[in-house]
């Protein structure tokens, strides 16, 4: 089932978190500035193109996002590593 970016954003705004299934359907990469999925950093501030920013999480990003806290240096390091991965 395809879940739109807007649906994910609304669910996050309402509940403040995602279920495990919702996390698998996200269509936005981790921010290389703050390590969050949804944040206020623009593609320019992230140093990414819009396509790079809106790509699905890689397996490594998914794992670190589920296991690490919001401001984890490890999460930011993984986000920087995958910042310029090409969208699938």
PDB file of N, CA and C in Angstrom:
ATOM      1  N   UNK A   1       0.844  -1.180   0.000  1.00  0.00           N
ATOM      2  CA  UNK A   1       0.000   0.000   0.000  1.00  0.00           C
ATOM      3  C   UNK A   1       0.889   1.243   0.000  1.00  0.00           C
ATOM      4  N   UNK A   2       0.669   2.114  -0.936  1.00  0.00           N
ATOM      5  CA  UNK A   2       1.440   3.347  -1.046  1.00  0.00           C
ATOM      6  C   UNK A   2       0.837   4.408  -0.127  1.00  0.00           C
ATOM      7  N   UNK A   3       1.660   4.982   0.718  1.00  0.00           N
ATOM      8  CA  UNK A   3       1.220   6.049   1.612  1.00  0.00           C
ATOM      9  C   UNK A   3       1.907   7.328   1.177  1.00  0.00           C
ATOM     10  N   UNK A   4       1.137   8.355   0.964  1.00  0.00           N
ATOM     11  CA  UNK A   4       1.696   9.607   0.466  1.00  0.00           C
ATOM     12  C   UNK A   4       2.517  10.321   1.533  1.00  0.00           C
ATOM     13  N   UNK A   5       3.379  11.200   1.076  1.00  0.00           N
ATOM     14  CA  UNK A   5       4.200  12.010   1.973  1.00  0.00           C
ATOM     15  C   UNK A   5       3.300  12.817   2.898  1.00  0.00           C
ATOM     16  N   UNK A   6       2.228  13.369   2.349  1.00  0.00           N
ATOM     17  CA  UNK A   6       1.314  14.188   3.148  1.00  0.00           C
ATOM     18  C   UNK A   6       0.649  13.358   4.247  1.00  0.00           C
ATOM     19  N   UNK A   7       0.239  12.141   3.924  1.00  0.00           N
ATOM     20  CA  UNK A   7      -0.369  11.267   4.928  1.00  0.00           C
ATOM     21  C   UNK A   7       0.605  10.999   6.060  1.00  0.00           C
ATOM     22  N   UNK A   8       1.856  10.666   5.720  1.00  0.00           N
ATOM     23  CA  UNK A   8       2.878  10.437   6.742  1.00  0.00           C
ATOM     24  C   UNK A   8       3.068  11.676   7.603  1.00  0.00           C
ATOM     25  N   UNK A   9       3.114  12.827   6.964  1.00  0.00           N
ATOM     26  CA  UNK A   9       3.337  14.080   7.676  1.00  0.00           C
ATOM     27  C   UNK A   9       2.188  14.366   8.648  1.00  0.00           C
ATOM     28  N   UNK A  10       0.966  14.120   8.205  1.00  0.00           N
ATOM     29  CA  UNK A  10      -0.207  14.345   9.057  1.00  0.00           C
ATOM     30  C   UNK A  10      -0.196  13.381  10.240  1.00  0.00           C
ATOM     31  N   UNK A  11       0.100  12.109   9.986  1.00  0.00           N
ATOM     32  CA  UNK A  11       0.165  11.134  11.079  1.00  0.00           C
ATOM     33  C   UNK A  11       1.219  11.524  12.100  1.00  0.00           C
ATOM     34  N   UNK A  12       2.358  11.998  11.610  1.00  0.00           N
ATOM     35  CA  UNK A  12       3.419  12.405  12.524  1.00  0.00           C
ATOM     36  C   UNK A  12       2.974  13.615  13.346  1.00  0.00           C
ATOM     37  N   UNK A  13       2.304  14.566  12.697  1.00  0.00           N
ATOM     38  CA  UNK A  13       1.843  15.762  13.406  1.00  0.00           C
ATOM     39  C   UNK A  13       0.822  15.407  14.486  1.00  0.00           C
ATOM     40  N   UNK A  14      -0.029  14.436  14.206  1.00  0.00           N
ATOM     41  CA  UNK A  14      -1.062  14.047  15.168  1.00  0.00           C
ATOM     42  C   UNK A  14      -0.489  13.209  16.306  1.00  0.00           C
ATOM     43  N   UNK A  15       0.268  12.183  15.956  1.00  0.00           N
ATOM     44  CA  UNK A  15       0.712  11.220  16.958  1.00  0.00           C
ATOM     45  C   UNK A  15       2.132  11.447  17.458  1.00  0.00           C
ATOM     46  N   UNK A  16       2.926  12.207  16.724  1.00  0.00           N
ATOM     47  CA  UNK A  16       4.294  12.495  17.154  1.00  0.00           C
ATOM     48  C   UNK A  16       5.261  11.352  16.947  1.00  0.00           C
ATOM     49  N   UNK A  17       4.804  10.286  16.357  1.00  0.00           N
ATOM     50  CA  UNK A  17       5.686   9.148  16.095  1.00  0.00           C
ATOM     51  C   UNK A  17       5.076   8.305  14.982  1.00  0.00           C
ATOM     52  N   UNK A  18       5.848   7.339  14.528  1.00  0.00           N
ATOM     53  CA  UNK A  18       5.386   6.438  13.485  1.00  0.00           C
ATOM     54  C   UNK A  18       5.359   5.014  14.005  1.00  0.00           C
ATOM     55  N   UNK A  19       4.431   4.218  13.512  1.00  0.00           N
ATOM     56  CA  UNK A  19       4.445   2.789  13.810  1.00  0.00           C
ATOM     57  C   UNK A  19       5.554   2.150  12.984  1.00  0.00           C
ATOM     58  N   UNK A  20       5.892   0.910  13.286  1.00  0.00           N
ATOM     59  CA  UNK A  20       6.947   0.220  12.546  1.00  0.00           C
ATOM     60  C   UNK A  20       6.578   0.097  11.065  1.00  0.00           C
ATOM     61  N   UNK A  21       5.319  -0.194  10.749  1.00  0.00           N
ATOM     62  CA  UNK A  21       4.899  -0.295   9.352  1.00  0.00           C
ATOM     63  C   UNK A  21       4.971   1.053   8.653  1.00  0.00           C
ATOM     64  N   UNK A  22       4.613   2.117   9.346  1.00  0.00           N
ATOM     65  CA  UNK A  22       4.700   3.443   8.747  1.00  0.00           C
ATOM     66  C   UNK A  22       6.147   3.809   8.481  1.00  0.00           C
ATOM     67  N   UNK A  23       7.048   3.421   9.367  1.00  0.00           N
ATOM     68  CA  UNK A  23       8.465   3.716   9.170  1.00  0.00           C
ATOM     69  C   UNK A  23       8.982   3.070   7.895  1.00  0.00           C
ATOM     70  N   UNK A  24       8.495   1.884   7.579  1.00  0.00           N
ATOM     71  CA  UNK A  24       8.948   1.187   6.375  1.00  0.00           C
ATOM     72  C   UNK A  24       8.450   1.863   5.105  1.00  0.00           C
ATOM     73  N   UNK A  25       7.377   2.644   5.201  1.00  0.00           N
ATOM     74  CA  UNK A  25       6.782   3.266   4.026  1.00  0.00           C
ATOM     75  C   UNK A  25       7.225   4.717   3.831  1.00  0.00           C
ATOM     76  N   UNK A  26       8.097   5.215   4.681  1.00  0.00           N
ATOM     77  CA  UNK A  26       8.494   6.616   4.582  1.00  0.00           C
ATOM     78  C   UNK A  26       9.173   6.922   3.257  1.00  0.00           C
ATOM     79  N   UNK A  27       8.904   8.077   2.743  1.00  0.00           N
ATOM     80  CA  UNK A  27       9.505   8.522   1.495  1.00  0.00           C
ATOM     81  C   UNK A  27      10.331   9.780   1.741  1.00  0.00           C
ATOM     82  N   UNK A  28      11.158   9.746   2.757  1.00  0.00           N
ATOM     83  CA  UNK A  28      12.017  10.887   3.042  1.00  0.00           C
ATOM     84  C   UNK A  28      13.247  10.396   3.785  1.00  0.00           C
ATOM     85  N   UNK A  29      14.401  10.873   3.352  1.00  0.00           N
ATOM     86  CA  UNK A  29      15.653  10.427   3.961  1.00  0.00           C
ATOM     87  C   UNK A  29      15.910  11.131   5.293  1.00  0.00           C
ATOM     88  N   UNK A  30      16.860  10.591   6.053  1.00  0.00           N
ATOM     89  CA  UNK A  30      17.275  11.252   7.297  1.00  0.00           C
ATOM     90  C   UNK A  30      17.988  12.555   6.958  1.00  0.00           C
ATOM     91  N   UNK A  31      17.754  13.571   7.754  1.00  0.00           N
ATOM     92  CA  UNK A  31      18.401  14.869   7.557  1.00  0.00           C
ATOM     93  C   UNK A  31      19.862  14.785   8.004  1.00  0.00           C
ATOM     94  N   UNK A  32      20.822  15.149   7.134  1.00  0.00           N
ATOM     95  CA  UNK A  32      22.229  15.120   7.520  1.00  0.00           C
ATOM     96  C   UNK A  32      22.618  16.249   8.480  1.00  0.00           C
ATOM     97  N   UNK A  33      21.703  17.173   8.759  1.00  0.00           N
ATOM     98  CA  UNK A  33      21.969  18.264   9.696  1.00  0.00           C
ATOM     99  C   UNK A  33      21.548  17.875  11.111  1.00  0.00           C
ATOM    100  N   UNK A  34      20.322  17.318  11.243  1.00  0.00           N
ATOM    101  CA  UNK A  34      19.790  17.032  12.583  1.00  0.00           C
ATOM    102  C   UNK A  34      19.481  15.562  12.843  1.00  0.00           C
ATOM    103  N   UNK A  35      19.482  14.721  11.814  1.00  0.00           N
ATOM    104  CA  UNK A  35      19.223  13.301  11.996  1.00  0.00           C
ATOM    105  C   UNK A  35      17.760  12.920  12.064  1.00  0.00           C
ATOM    106  N   UNK A  36      16.872  13.849  11.789  1.00  0.00           N
ATOM    107  CA  UNK A  36      15.437  13.554  11.823  1.00  0.00           C
ATOM    108  C   UNK A  36      14.936  13.261  10.415  1.00  0.00           C
ATOM    109  N   UNK A  37      13.752  12.669  10.333  1.00  0.00           N
ATOM    110  CA  UNK A  37      13.146  12.436   9.025  1.00  0.00           C
ATOM    111  C   UNK A  37      12.393  13.684   8.597  1.00  0.00           C
ATOM    112  N   UNK A  38      11.461  14.136   9.409  1.00  0.00           N
ATOM    113  CA  UNK A  38      10.724  15.360   9.106  1.00  0.00           C
ATOM    114  C   UNK A  38      11.282  16.477   9.961  1.00  0.00           C
ATOM    115  N   UNK A  39      11.822  17.484   9.307  1.00  0.00           N
ATOM    116  CA  UNK A  39      12.383  18.626  10.029  1.00  0.00           C
ATOM    117  C   UNK A  39      12.162  19.879   9.193  1.00  0.00           C
ATOM    118  N   UNK A  40      12.638  20.991   9.679  1.00  0.00           N
ATOM    119  CA  UNK A  40      12.441  22.260   8.975  1.00  0.00           C
ATOM    120  C   UNK A  40      13.592  22.625   8.048  1.00  0.00           C
ATOM    121  N   UNK A  41      14.577  21.753   7.893  1.00  0.00           N
ATOM    122  CA  UNK A  41      15.707  22.059   7.018  1.00  0.00           C
ATOM    123  C   UNK A  41      15.313  21.873   5.552  1.00  0.00           C
ATOM    124  N   UNK A  42      15.599  22.880   4.758  1.00  0.00           N
ATOM    125  CA  UNK A  42      15.307  22.820   3.327  1.00  0.00           C
ATOM    126  C   UNK A  42      16.353  21.942   2.640  1.00  0.00           C
ATOM    127  N   UNK A  43      16.105  21.542   1.386  1.00  0.00           N
ATOM    128  CA  UNK A  43      17.127  20.785   0.663  1.00  0.00           C
ATOM    129  C   UNK A  43      18.465  21.536   0.606  1.00  0.00           C
ATOM    130  N   UNK A  44      18.409  22.849   0.464  1.00  0.00           N
ATOM    131  CA  UNK A  44      19.635  23.649   0.415  1.00  0.00           C
ATOM    132  C   UNK A  44      20.394  23.579   1.739  1.00  0.00           C
ATOM    133  N   UNK A  45      19.665  23.686   2.846  1.00  0.00           N
ATOM    134  CA  UNK A  45      20.297  23.595   4.166  1.00  0.00           C
ATOM    135  C   UNK A  45      20.858  22.198   4.415  1.00  0.00           C
ATOM    136  N   UNK A  46      20.196  21.210   3.868  1.00  0.00           N
ATOM    137  CA  UNK A  46      20.658  19.826   3.999  1.00  0.00           C
ATOM    138  C   UNK A  46      21.836  19.537   3.060  1.00  0.00           C
ATOM    139  N   UNK A  47      22.007  20.374   2.043  1.00  0.00           N
ATOM    140  CA  UNK A  47      23.038  20.120   1.040  1.00  0.00           C
ATOM    141  C   UNK A  47      22.631  19.002   0.093  1.00  0.00           C
ATOM    142  N   UNK A  48      21.324  18.870  -0.131  1.00  0.00           N
ATOM    143  CA  UNK A  48      20.787  17.817  -0.976  1.00  0.00           C
ATOM    144  C   UNK A  48      19.875  18.407  -2.042  1.00  0.00           C
ATOM    145  N   UNK A  49      19.635  17.608  -3.085  1.00  0.00           N
ATOM    146  CA  UNK A  49      18.600  17.967  -4.047  1.00  0.00           C
ATOM    147  C   UNK A  49      17.260  17.534  -3.454  1.00  0.00           C
ATOM    148  N   UNK A  50      16.180  18.017  -4.025  1.00  0.00           N
ATOM    149  CA  UNK A  50      14.848  17.599  -3.565  1.00  0.00           C
ATOM    150  C   UNK A  50      14.665  16.097  -3.729  1.00  0.00           C
ATOM    151  N   UNK A  51      15.205  15.544  -4.822  1.00  0.00           N
ATOM    152  CA  UNK A  51      15.090  14.107  -5.072  1.00  0.00           C
ATOM    153  C   UNK A  51      15.838  13.306  -4.016  1.00  0.00           C
ATOM    154  N   UNK A  52      17.037  13.760  -3.642  1.00  0.00           N
ATOM    155  CA  UNK A  52      17.807  13.065  -2.605  1.00  0.00           C
ATOM    156  C   UNK A  52      17.079  13.136  -1.263  1.00  0.00           C
ATOM    157  N   UNK A  53      16.472  14.268  -0.998  1.00  0.00           N
ATOM    158  CA  UNK A  53      15.767  14.459   0.265  1.00  0.00           C
ATOM    159  C   UNK A  53      14.512  13.587   0.343  1.00  0.00           C
ATOM    160  N   UNK A  54      13.832  13.399  -0.760  1.00  0.00           N
ATOM    161  CA  UNK A  54      12.554  12.685  -0.768  1.00  0.00           C
ATOM    162  C   UNK A  54      12.675  11.196  -1.090  1.00  0.00           C
ATOM    163  N   UNK A  55      13.883  10.661  -1.124  1.00  0.00           N
ATOM    164  CA  UNK A  55      14.041   9.230  -1.413  1.00  0.00           C
ATOM    165  C   UNK A  55      13.695   8.409  -0.168  1.00  0.00           C
ATOM    166  N   UNK A  56      13.340   7.143  -0.353  1.00  0.00           N
ATOM    167  CA  UNK A  56      13.061   6.277   0.802  1.00  0.00           C
ATOM    168  C   UNK A  56      14.320   6.053   1.642  1.00  0.00           C
ATOM    169  N   UNK A  57      14.134   5.726   2.903  1.00  0.00           N
ATOM    170  CA  UNK A  57      15.260   5.421   3.781  1.00  0.00           C
ATOM    171  C   UNK A  57      16.001   4.187   3.286  1.00  0.00           C
ATOM    172  N   UNK A  58      17.326   4.217   3.380  1.00  0.00           N
ATOM    173  CA  UNK A  58      18.116   3.016   3.098  1.00  0.00           C
ATOM    174  C   UNK A  58      17.942   2.059   4.280  1.00  0.00           C
ATOM    175  N   UNK A  59      18.370   0.813   4.122  1.00  0.00           N
ATOM    176  CA  UNK A  59      18.254  -0.148   5.227  1.00  0.00           C
ATOM    177  C   UNK A  59      19.040   0.324   6.447  1.00  0.00           C
ATOM    178  N   UNK A  60      20.238   0.875   6.214  1.00  0.00           N
ATOM    179  CA  UNK A  60      21.064   1.357   7.328  1.00  0.00           C
ATOM    180  C   UNK A  60      20.399   2.535   8.035  1.00  0.00           C
ATOM    181  N   UNK A  61      19.829   3.463   7.253  1.00  0.00           N
ATOM    182  CA  UNK A  61      19.116   4.600   7.847  1.00  0.00           C
ATOM    183  C   UNK A  61      17.903   4.118   8.643  1.00  0.00           C
ATOM    184  N   UNK A  62      17.181   3.166   8.089  1.00  0.00           N
ATOM    185  CA  UNK A  62      16.004   2.617   8.759  1.00  0.00           C
ATOM    186  C   UNK A  62      16.383   2.043  10.119  1.00  0.00           C
ATOM    187  N   UNK A  63      17.452   1.263  10.139  1.00  0.00           N
ATOM    188  CA  UNK A  63      17.880   0.611  11.378  1.00  0.00           C
ATOM    189  C   UNK A  63      18.298   1.642  12.431  1.00  0.00           C
ATOM    190  N   UNK A  64      19.119   2.607  12.040  1.00  0.00           N
ATOM    191  CA  UNK A  64      19.605   3.603  13.001  1.00  0.00           C
ATOM    192  C   UNK A  64      18.462   4.504  13.467  1.00  0.00           C
ATOM    193  N   UNK A  65      17.499   4.773  12.591  1.00  0.00           N
ATOM    194  CA  UNK A  65      16.359   5.610  12.960  1.00  0.00           C
ATOM    195  C   UNK A  65      15.499   4.922  14.013  1.00  0.00           C
ATOM    196  N   UNK A  66      15.342   3.606  13.888  1.00  0.00           N
ATOM    197  CA  UNK A  66      14.531   2.863  14.851  1.00  0.00           C
ATOM    198  C   UNK A  66      15.250   2.661  16.181  1.00  0.00           C
ATOM    199  N   UNK A  67      16.588   2.601  16.161  1.00  0.00           N
ATOM    200  CA  UNK A  67      17.340   2.233  17.360  1.00  0.00           C
ATOM    201  C   UNK A  67      17.953   3.399  18.132  1.00  0.00           C
ATOM    202  N   UNK A  68      18.192   4.521  17.482  1.00  0.00           N
ATOM    203  CA  UNK A  68      18.900   5.634  18.114  1.00  0.00           C
ATOM    204  C   UNK A  68      17.945   6.765  18.491  1.00  0.00           C
ATOM    205  N   UNK A  69      18.363   7.591  19.443  1.00  0.00           N
ATOM    206  CA  UNK A  69      17.564   8.751  19.851  1.00  0.00           C
ATOM    207  C   UNK A  69      17.621   9.837  18.781  1.00  0.00           C
ATOM    208  N   UNK A  70      16.750  10.821  18.898  1.00  0.00           N
ATOM    209  CA  UNK A  70      16.621  11.877  17.888  1.00  0.00           C
ATOM    210  C   UNK A  70      17.915  12.602  17.581  1.00  0.00           C
ATOM    211  N   UNK A  71      18.657  12.964  18.619  1.00  0.00           N
ATOM    212  CA  UNK A  71      19.855  13.783  18.415  1.00  0.00           C
ATOM    213  C   UNK A  71      21.139  12.952  18.442  1.00  0.00           C
ATOM    214  N   UNK A  72      21.036  11.683  18.129  1.00  0.00           N
ATOM    215  CA  UNK A  72      22.178  10.777  18.175  1.00  0.00           C
ATOM    216  C   UNK A  72      23.234  11.148  17.130  1.00  0.00           C
ATOM    217  N   UNK A  73      24.500  11.283  17.541  1.00  0.00           N
ATOM    218  CA  UNK A  73      25.570  11.541  16.568  1.00  0.00           C
ATOM    219  C   UNK A  73      25.686  10.415  15.539  1.00  0.00           C
ATOM    220  N   UNK A  74      25.381   9.187  15.953  1.00  0.00           N
ATOM    221  CA  UNK A  74      25.435   8.051  15.023  1.00  0.00           C
ATOM    222  C   UNK A  74      24.391   8.219  13.920  1.00  0.00           C
ATOM    223  N   UNK A  75      23.205   8.688  14.288  1.00  0.00           N
ATOM    224  CA  UNK A  75      22.133   8.890  13.315  1.00  0.00           C
ATOM    225  C   UNK A  75      22.529   9.966  12.298  1.00  0.00           C
ATOM    226  N   UNK A  76      23.134  11.044  12.775  1.00  0.00           N
ATOM    227  CA  UNK A  76      23.574  12.123  11.884  1.00  0.00           C
ATOM    228  C   UNK A  76      24.688  11.629  10.966  1.00  0.00           C
ATOM    229  N   UNK A  77      25.608  10.822  11.494  1.00  0.00           N
ATOM    230  CA  UNK A  77      26.704  10.274  10.682  1.00  0.00           C
ATOM    231  C   UNK A  77      26.163   9.383   9.562  1.00  0.00           C
ATOM    232  N   UNK A  78      25.188   8.551   9.876  1.00  0.00           N
ATOM    233  CA  UNK A  78      24.583   7.685   8.858  1.00  0.00           C
ATOM    234  C   UNK A  78      23.834   8.537   7.831  1.00  0.00           C
ATOM    235  N   UNK A  79      23.143   9.572   8.286  1.00  0.00           N
ATOM    236  CA  UNK A  79      22.428  10.470   7.373  1.00  0.00           C
ATOM    237  C   UNK A  79      23.402  11.147   6.414  1.00  0.00           C
ATOM    238  N   UNK A  80      24.544  11.590   6.915  1.00  0.00           N
ATOM    239  CA  UNK A  80      25.551  12.223   6.053  1.00  0.00           C
ATOM    240  C   UNK A  80      26.121  11.225   5.054  1.00  0.00           C
ATOM    241  N   UNK A  81      26.314   9.987   5.493  1.00  0.00           N
ATOM    242  CA  UNK A  81      26.854   8.938   4.623  1.00  0.00           C
ATOM    243  C   UNK A  81      25.935   8.691   3.426  1.00  0.00           C
ATOM    244  N   UNK A  82      24.622   8.744   3.655  1.00  0.00           N
ATOM    245  CA  UNK A  82      23.648   8.438   2.604  1.00  0.00           C
ATOM    246  C   UNK A  82      23.017   9.690   1.989  1.00  0.00           C
ATOM    247  N   UNK A  83      23.498  10.861   2.332  1.00  0.00           N
ATOM    248  CA  UNK A  83      22.869  12.118   1.890  1.00  0.00           C
ATOM    249  C   UNK A  83      22.753  12.237   0.375  1.00  0.00           C
ATOM    250  N   UNK A  84      23.705  11.674  -0.349  1.00  0.00           N
ATOM    251  CA  UNK A  84      23.695  11.835  -1.807  1.00  0.00           C
ATOM    252  C   UNK A  84      23.406  10.537  -2.543  1.00  0.00           C
ATOM    253  N   UNK A  85      22.772   9.589  -1.836  1.00  0.00           N
ATOM    254  CA  UNK A  85      22.312   8.376  -2.514  1.00  0.00           C
ATOM    255  C   UNK A  85      21.260   8.785  -3.532  1.00  0.00           C
ATOM    256  N   UNK A  86      21.268   8.117  -4.653  1.00  0.00           N
ATOM    257  CA  UNK A  86      20.280   8.437  -5.684  1.00  0.00           C
ATOM    258  C   UNK A  86      18.960   7.756  -5.368  1.00  0.00           C
ATOM    259  N   UNK A  87      17.857   8.439  -5.642  1.00  0.00           N
ATOM    260  CA  UNK A  87      16.541   7.846  -5.390  1.00  0.00           C
ATOM    261  C   UNK A  87      16.367   6.562  -6.191  1.00  0.00           C
ATOM    262  N   UNK A  88      15.627   5.640  -5.609  1.00  0.00           N
ATOM    263  CA  UNK A  88      15.393   4.351  -6.276  1.00  0.00           C
ATOM    264  C   UNK A  88      14.187   4.443  -7.168  1.00  0.00           C
TER     265      UNK A  88
END
